[in-house]
């Protein structure tokens, strides 16, 4: 009987261990962004990006979504493109970096589509956003500064 109880005791801890990894895994999936999402902005740059995105939304210089971002690039009115690294699957916006390189427009990835959505002023997640050009814009200097710091990431 002692052998049987000893044999039954170890499976209980392993069962408890097998329940733990699912709670750990989602956090790990979030912390490890897709390696294809390059260049990924660091935390400080992400704060700056979200701030500029919010101001662009206020000044009506923002297009939200992968399709609208594509349109702004094709029309040549895009200053920069912001994409979320946690888009699922990421391939739904991987045509944008190619288009950005053709049109010579800087692009950057941020870690969260939820945060990008909030910065865009909508309650839904946003996987891509485009800040558009406007000659008499009050945020032109901030956009230029952000473009320069994103260009540094690409080098």
C-alpha atoms as a PDB file:
ATOM      1  CA  UNK A   1       0.000   0.000   0.000  1.00  0.00           C
ATOM      2  CA  UNK A   2       2.913   2.349   0.743  1.00  0.00           C
ATOM      3  CA  UNK A   3       4.294   1.787  -2.761  1.00  0.00           C
ATOM      4  CA  UNK A   4       0.895   2.537  -4.330  1.00  0.00           C
ATOM      5  CA  UNK A   5       0.458   5.786  -2.358  1.00  0.00           C
ATOM      6  CA  UNK A   6       4.024   6.807  -3.222  1.00  0.00           C
ATOM      7  CA  UNK A   7       3.296   6.139  -6.874  1.00  0.00           C
ATOM      8  CA  UNK A   8       0.148   8.261  -6.695  1.00  0.00           C
ATOM      9  CA  UNK A   9       1.748  11.205  -4.879  1.00  0.00           C
ATOM     10  CA  UNK A  10       4.084  12.408  -7.686  1.00  0.00           C
ATOM     11  CA  UNK A  11       1.363  12.724 -10.376  1.00  0.00           C
ATOM     12  CA  UNK A  12      -0.499  15.294  -8.256  1.00  0.00           C
ATOM     13  CA  UNK A  13       2.373  17.850  -8.352  1.00  0.00           C
ATOM     14  CA  UNK A  14       2.944  17.207 -12.061  1.00  0.00           C
ATOM     15  CA  UNK A  15      -0.800  17.752 -12.617  1.00  0.00           C
ATOM     16  CA  UNK A  16      -0.568  21.077 -10.758  1.00  0.00           C
ATOM     17  CA  UNK A  17       2.483  21.970 -12.888  1.00  0.00           C
ATOM     18  CA  UNK A  18       0.622  21.123 -16.088  1.00  0.00           C
ATOM     19  CA  UNK A  19      -2.113  23.582 -15.068  1.00  0.00           C
ATOM     20  CA  UNK A  20       0.388  26.421 -14.521  1.00  0.00           C
ATOM     21  CA  UNK A  21       2.004  26.772 -17.972  1.00  0.00           C
ATOM     22  CA  UNK A  22      -1.249  27.819 -19.746  1.00  0.00           C
ATOM     23  CA  UNK A  23      -1.454  30.828 -17.396  1.00  0.00           C
ATOM     24  CA  UNK A  24       2.223  31.617 -18.078  1.00  0.00           C
ATOM     25  CA  UNK A  25       2.074  31.109 -21.864  1.00  0.00           C
ATOM     26  CA  UNK A  26      -0.182  34.062 -22.892  1.00  0.00           C
ATOM     27  CA  UNK A  27       2.066  36.508 -21.032  1.00  0.00           C
ATOM     28  CA  UNK A  28       5.078  35.014 -22.786  1.00  0.00           C
ATOM     29  CA  UNK A  29       3.390  35.277 -26.175  1.00  0.00           C
ATOM     30  CA  UNK A  30       2.815  38.997 -25.538  1.00  0.00           C
ATOM     31  CA  UNK A  31       6.348  39.686 -24.304  1.00  0.00           C
ATOM     32  CA  UNK A  32       7.964  37.927 -27.276  1.00  0.00           C
ATOM     33  CA  UNK A  33       6.863  39.869 -30.379  1.00  0.00           C
ATOM     34  CA  UNK A  34       6.949  38.307 -33.815  1.00  0.00           C
ATOM     35  CA  UNK A  35      10.528  38.488 -35.175  1.00  0.00           C
ATOM     36  CA  UNK A  36       9.110  39.647 -38.534  1.00  0.00           C
ATOM     37  CA  UNK A  37       7.907  42.828 -36.800  1.00  0.00           C
ATOM     38  CA  UNK A  38      11.024  44.880 -37.512  1.00  0.00           C
ATOM     39  CA  UNK A  39      11.771  47.662 -36.599  1.00  0.00           C
ATOM     40  CA  UNK A  40      10.023  47.405 -33.224  1.00  0.00           C
ATOM     41  CA  UNK A  41       9.989  50.661 -31.257  1.00  0.00           C
ATOM     42  CA  UNK A  42      11.363  50.648 -27.715  1.00  0.00           C
ATOM     43  CA  UNK A  43       9.118  51.690 -24.811  1.00  0.00           C
ATOM     44  CA  UNK A  44      10.145  55.379 -24.816  1.00  0.00           C
ATOM     45  CA  UNK A  45       9.682  55.695 -28.572  1.00  0.00           C
ATOM     46  CA  UNK A  46       6.294  53.944 -28.330  1.00  0.00           C
ATOM     47  CA  UNK A  47       5.111  56.580 -25.851  1.00  0.00           C
ATOM     48  CA  UNK A  48       6.215  59.319 -28.275  1.00  0.00           C
ATOM     49  CA  UNK A  49       4.554  57.523 -31.209  1.00  0.00           C
ATOM     50  CA  UNK A  50       1.251  57.150 -29.335  1.00  0.00           C
ATOM     51  CA  UNK A  51       1.380  60.835 -28.364  1.00  0.00           C
ATOM     52  CA  UNK A  52       1.909  61.955 -31.982  1.00  0.00           C
ATOM     53  CA  UNK A  53      -0.777  59.512 -33.208  1.00  0.00           C
ATOM     54  CA  UNK A  54      -3.222  60.998 -30.691  1.00  0.00           C
ATOM     55  CA  UNK A  55      -2.453  64.539 -31.856  1.00  0.00           C
ATOM     56  CA  UNK A  56      -2.688  63.487 -35.516  1.00  0.00           C
ATOM     57  CA  UNK A  57      -6.138  62.048 -34.765  1.00  0.00           C
ATOM     58  CA  UNK A  58      -7.164  65.379 -33.208  1.00  0.00           C
ATOM     59  CA  UNK A  59      -5.905  67.310 -36.262  1.00  0.00           C
ATOM     60  CA  UNK A  60      -7.600  64.875 -38.699  1.00  0.00           C
ATOM     61  CA  UNK A  61      -4.193  63.763 -40.029  1.00  0.00           C
ATOM     62  CA  UNK A  62      -4.669  60.079 -39.238  1.00  0.00           C
ATOM     63  CA  UNK A  63      -5.952  57.122 -41.240  1.00  0.00           C
ATOM     64  CA  UNK A  64      -6.743  53.937 -39.320  1.00  0.00           C
ATOM     65  CA  UNK A  65      -6.493  50.385 -40.632  1.00  0.00           C
ATOM     66  CA  UNK A  66      -4.283  48.461 -43.048  1.00  0.00           C
ATOM     67  CA  UNK A  67      -6.454  49.278 -46.080  1.00  0.00           C
ATOM     68  CA  UNK A  68      -6.522  53.041 -45.455  1.00  0.00           C
ATOM     69  CA  UNK A  69      -2.779  53.026 -44.710  1.00  0.00           C
ATOM     70  CA  UNK A  70      -2.225  51.314 -48.085  1.00  0.00           C
ATOM     71  CA  UNK A  71      -4.360  53.981 -49.806  1.00  0.00           C
ATOM     72  CA  UNK A  72      -2.387  56.859 -48.245  1.00  0.00           C
ATOM     73  CA  UNK A  73       0.884  55.249 -49.392  1.00  0.00           C
ATOM     74  CA  UNK A  74      -0.392  54.760 -52.947  1.00  0.00           C
ATOM     75  CA  UNK A  75      -1.631  58.372 -53.070  1.00  0.00           C
ATOM     76  CA  UNK A  76       1.702  59.638 -51.730  1.00  0.00           C
ATOM     77  CA  UNK A  77       0.166  61.499 -48.767  1.00  0.00           C
ATOM     78  CA  UNK A  78       1.640  59.393 -45.958  1.00  0.00           C
ATOM     79  CA  UNK A  79       4.255  60.855 -43.574  1.00  0.00           C
ATOM     80  CA  UNK A  80       4.798  57.609 -41.663  1.00  0.00           C
ATOM     81  CA  UNK A  81       3.181  54.232 -40.999  1.00  0.00           C
ATOM     82  CA  UNK A  82       2.655  52.668 -37.578  1.00  0.00           C
ATOM     83  CA  UNK A  83       1.826  48.949 -37.365  1.00  0.00           C
ATOM     84  CA  UNK A  84       1.110  46.684 -34.411  1.00  0.00           C
ATOM     85  CA  UNK A  85       3.417  43.711 -33.877  1.00  0.00           C
ATOM     86  CA  UNK A  86       0.628  41.653 -32.280  1.00  0.00           C
ATOM     87  CA  UNK A  87      -1.610  41.560 -35.370  1.00  0.00           C
ATOM     88  CA  UNK A  88      -2.811  37.998 -35.843  1.00  0.00           C
ATOM     89  CA  UNK A  89      -1.693  36.765 -38.340  1.00  0.00           C
ATOM     90  CA  UNK A  90       1.059  39.350 -38.894  1.00  0.00           C
ATOM     91  CA  UNK A  91       1.010  38.649 -42.655  1.00  0.00           C
ATOM     92  CA  UNK A  92      -2.182  40.731 -43.013  1.00  0.00           C
ATOM     93  CA  UNK A  93      -0.038  43.863 -42.842  1.00  0.00           C
ATOM     94  CA  UNK A  94       3.331  42.673 -44.149  1.00  0.00           C
ATOM     95  CA  UNK A  95       2.604  44.255 -47.548  1.00  0.00           C
ATOM     96  CA  UNK A  96       2.979  47.682 -45.909  1.00  0.00           C
ATOM     97  CA  UNK A  97       6.768  47.594 -45.215  1.00  0.00           C
ATOM     98  CA  UNK A  98       7.391  46.707 -48.886  1.00  0.00           C
ATOM     99  CA  UNK A  99       5.187  49.574 -50.047  1.00  0.00           C
ATOM    100  CA  UNK A 100       6.828  51.935 -47.523  1.00  0.00           C
ATOM    101  CA  UNK A 101      10.278  51.093 -48.869  1.00  0.00           C
ATOM    102  CA  UNK A 102       9.104  51.700 -52.456  1.00  0.00           C
ATOM    103  CA  UNK A 103       7.625  55.087 -51.509  1.00  0.00           C
ATOM    104  CA  UNK A 104      10.475  55.980 -49.116  1.00  0.00           C
ATOM    105  CA  UNK A 105       8.132  56.371 -46.121  1.00  0.00           C
ATOM    106  CA  UNK A 106       9.395  55.436 -42.635  1.00  0.00           C
ATOM    107  CA  UNK A 107       7.500  52.680 -40.829  1.00  0.00           C
ATOM    108  CA  UNK A 108       7.629  51.265 -37.325  1.00  0.00           C
ATOM    109  CA  UNK A 109       6.012  48.530 -35.253  1.00  0.00           C
ATOM    110  CA  UNK A 110       4.488  49.074 -31.809  1.00  0.00           C
ATOM    111  CA  UNK A 111       3.810  46.187 -29.440  1.00  0.00           C
ATOM    112  CA  UNK A 112       0.050  46.549 -28.860  1.00  0.00           C
ATOM    113  CA  UNK A 113      -2.892  46.910 -31.252  1.00  0.00           C
ATOM    114  CA  UNK A 114      -5.100  47.803 -28.261  1.00  0.00           C
ATOM    115  CA  UNK A 115      -2.820  50.715 -27.303  1.00  0.00           C
ATOM    116  CA  UNK A 116      -2.647  51.863 -30.942  1.00  0.00           C
ATOM    117  CA  UNK A 117      -6.457  51.775 -31.113  1.00  0.00           C
ATOM    118  CA  UNK A 118      -6.741  53.886 -27.959  1.00  0.00           C
ATOM    119  CA  UNK A 119      -4.202  56.393 -29.295  1.00  0.00           C
ATOM    120  CA  UNK A 120      -6.207  56.595 -32.537  1.00  0.00           C
ATOM    121  CA  UNK A 121      -9.245  57.505 -30.461  1.00  0.00           C
ATOM    122  CA  UNK A 122     -11.312  54.390 -31.207  1.00  0.00           C
ATOM    123  CA  UNK A 123     -12.505  51.654 -28.864  1.00  0.00           C
ATOM    124  CA  UNK A 124     -11.355  48.833 -31.170  1.00  0.00           C
ATOM    125  CA  UNK A 125      -7.823  47.492 -31.737  1.00  0.00           C
ATOM    126  CA  UNK A 126      -6.010  49.101 -34.693  1.00  0.00           C
ATOM    127  CA  UNK A 127      -3.313  47.081 -36.497  1.00  0.00           C
ATOM    128  CA  UNK A 128      -2.068  49.860 -38.789  1.00  0.00           C
ATOM    129  CA  UNK A 129      -2.259  53.642 -38.910  1.00  0.00           C
ATOM    130  CA  UNK A 130      -0.944  56.285 -41.277  1.00  0.00           C
ATOM    131  CA  UNK A 131      -0.111  59.870 -40.363  1.00  0.00           C
ATOM    132  CA  UNK A 132      -0.890  61.957 -43.443  1.00  0.00           C
ATOM    133  CA  UNK A 133       0.768  65.092 -44.801  1.00  0.00           C
ATOM    134  CA  UNK A 134      -0.685  68.556 -44.270  1.00  0.00           C
ATOM    135  CA  UNK A 135       1.305  71.649 -45.210  1.00  0.00           C
ATOM    136  CA  UNK A 136      -0.044  74.032 -42.557  1.00  0.00           C
ATOM    137  CA  UNK A 137      -0.013  71.432 -39.786  1.00  0.00           C
ATOM    138  CA  UNK A 138       0.705  72.457 -36.196  1.00  0.00           C
ATOM    139  CA  UNK A 139       2.275  69.053 -35.487  1.00  0.00           C
ATOM    140  CA  UNK A 140       4.613  69.071 -38.506  1.00  0.00           C
ATOM    141  CA  UNK A 141       7.706  69.545 -36.297  1.00  0.00           C
ATOM    142  CA  UNK A 142       6.710  66.640 -34.024  1.00  0.00           C
ATOM    143  CA  UNK A 143       6.037  64.395 -37.030  1.00  0.00           C
ATOM    144  CA  UNK A 144       9.446  65.294 -38.506  1.00  0.00           C
ATOM    145  CA  UNK A 145      11.182  64.563 -35.194  1.00  0.00           C
ATOM    146  CA  UNK A 146       9.402  61.183 -34.996  1.00  0.00           C
ATOM    147  CA  UNK A 147      10.334  60.404 -38.624  1.00  0.00           C
ATOM    148  CA  UNK A 148      13.992  61.071 -37.789  1.00  0.00           C
ATOM    149  CA  UNK A 149      13.962  58.785 -34.737  1.00  0.00           C
ATOM    150  CA  UNK A 150      12.257  56.015 -36.772  1.00  0.00           C
ATOM    151  CA  UNK A 151      14.855  56.450 -39.533  1.00  0.00           C
ATOM    152  CA  UNK A 152      17.520  55.849 -36.858  1.00  0.00           C
ATOM    153  CA  UNK A 153      15.909  52.462 -36.099  1.00  0.00           C
ATOM    154  CA  UNK A 154      16.088  51.448 -39.758  1.00  0.00           C
ATOM    155  CA  UNK A 155      19.812  52.182 -40.035  1.00  0.00           C
END
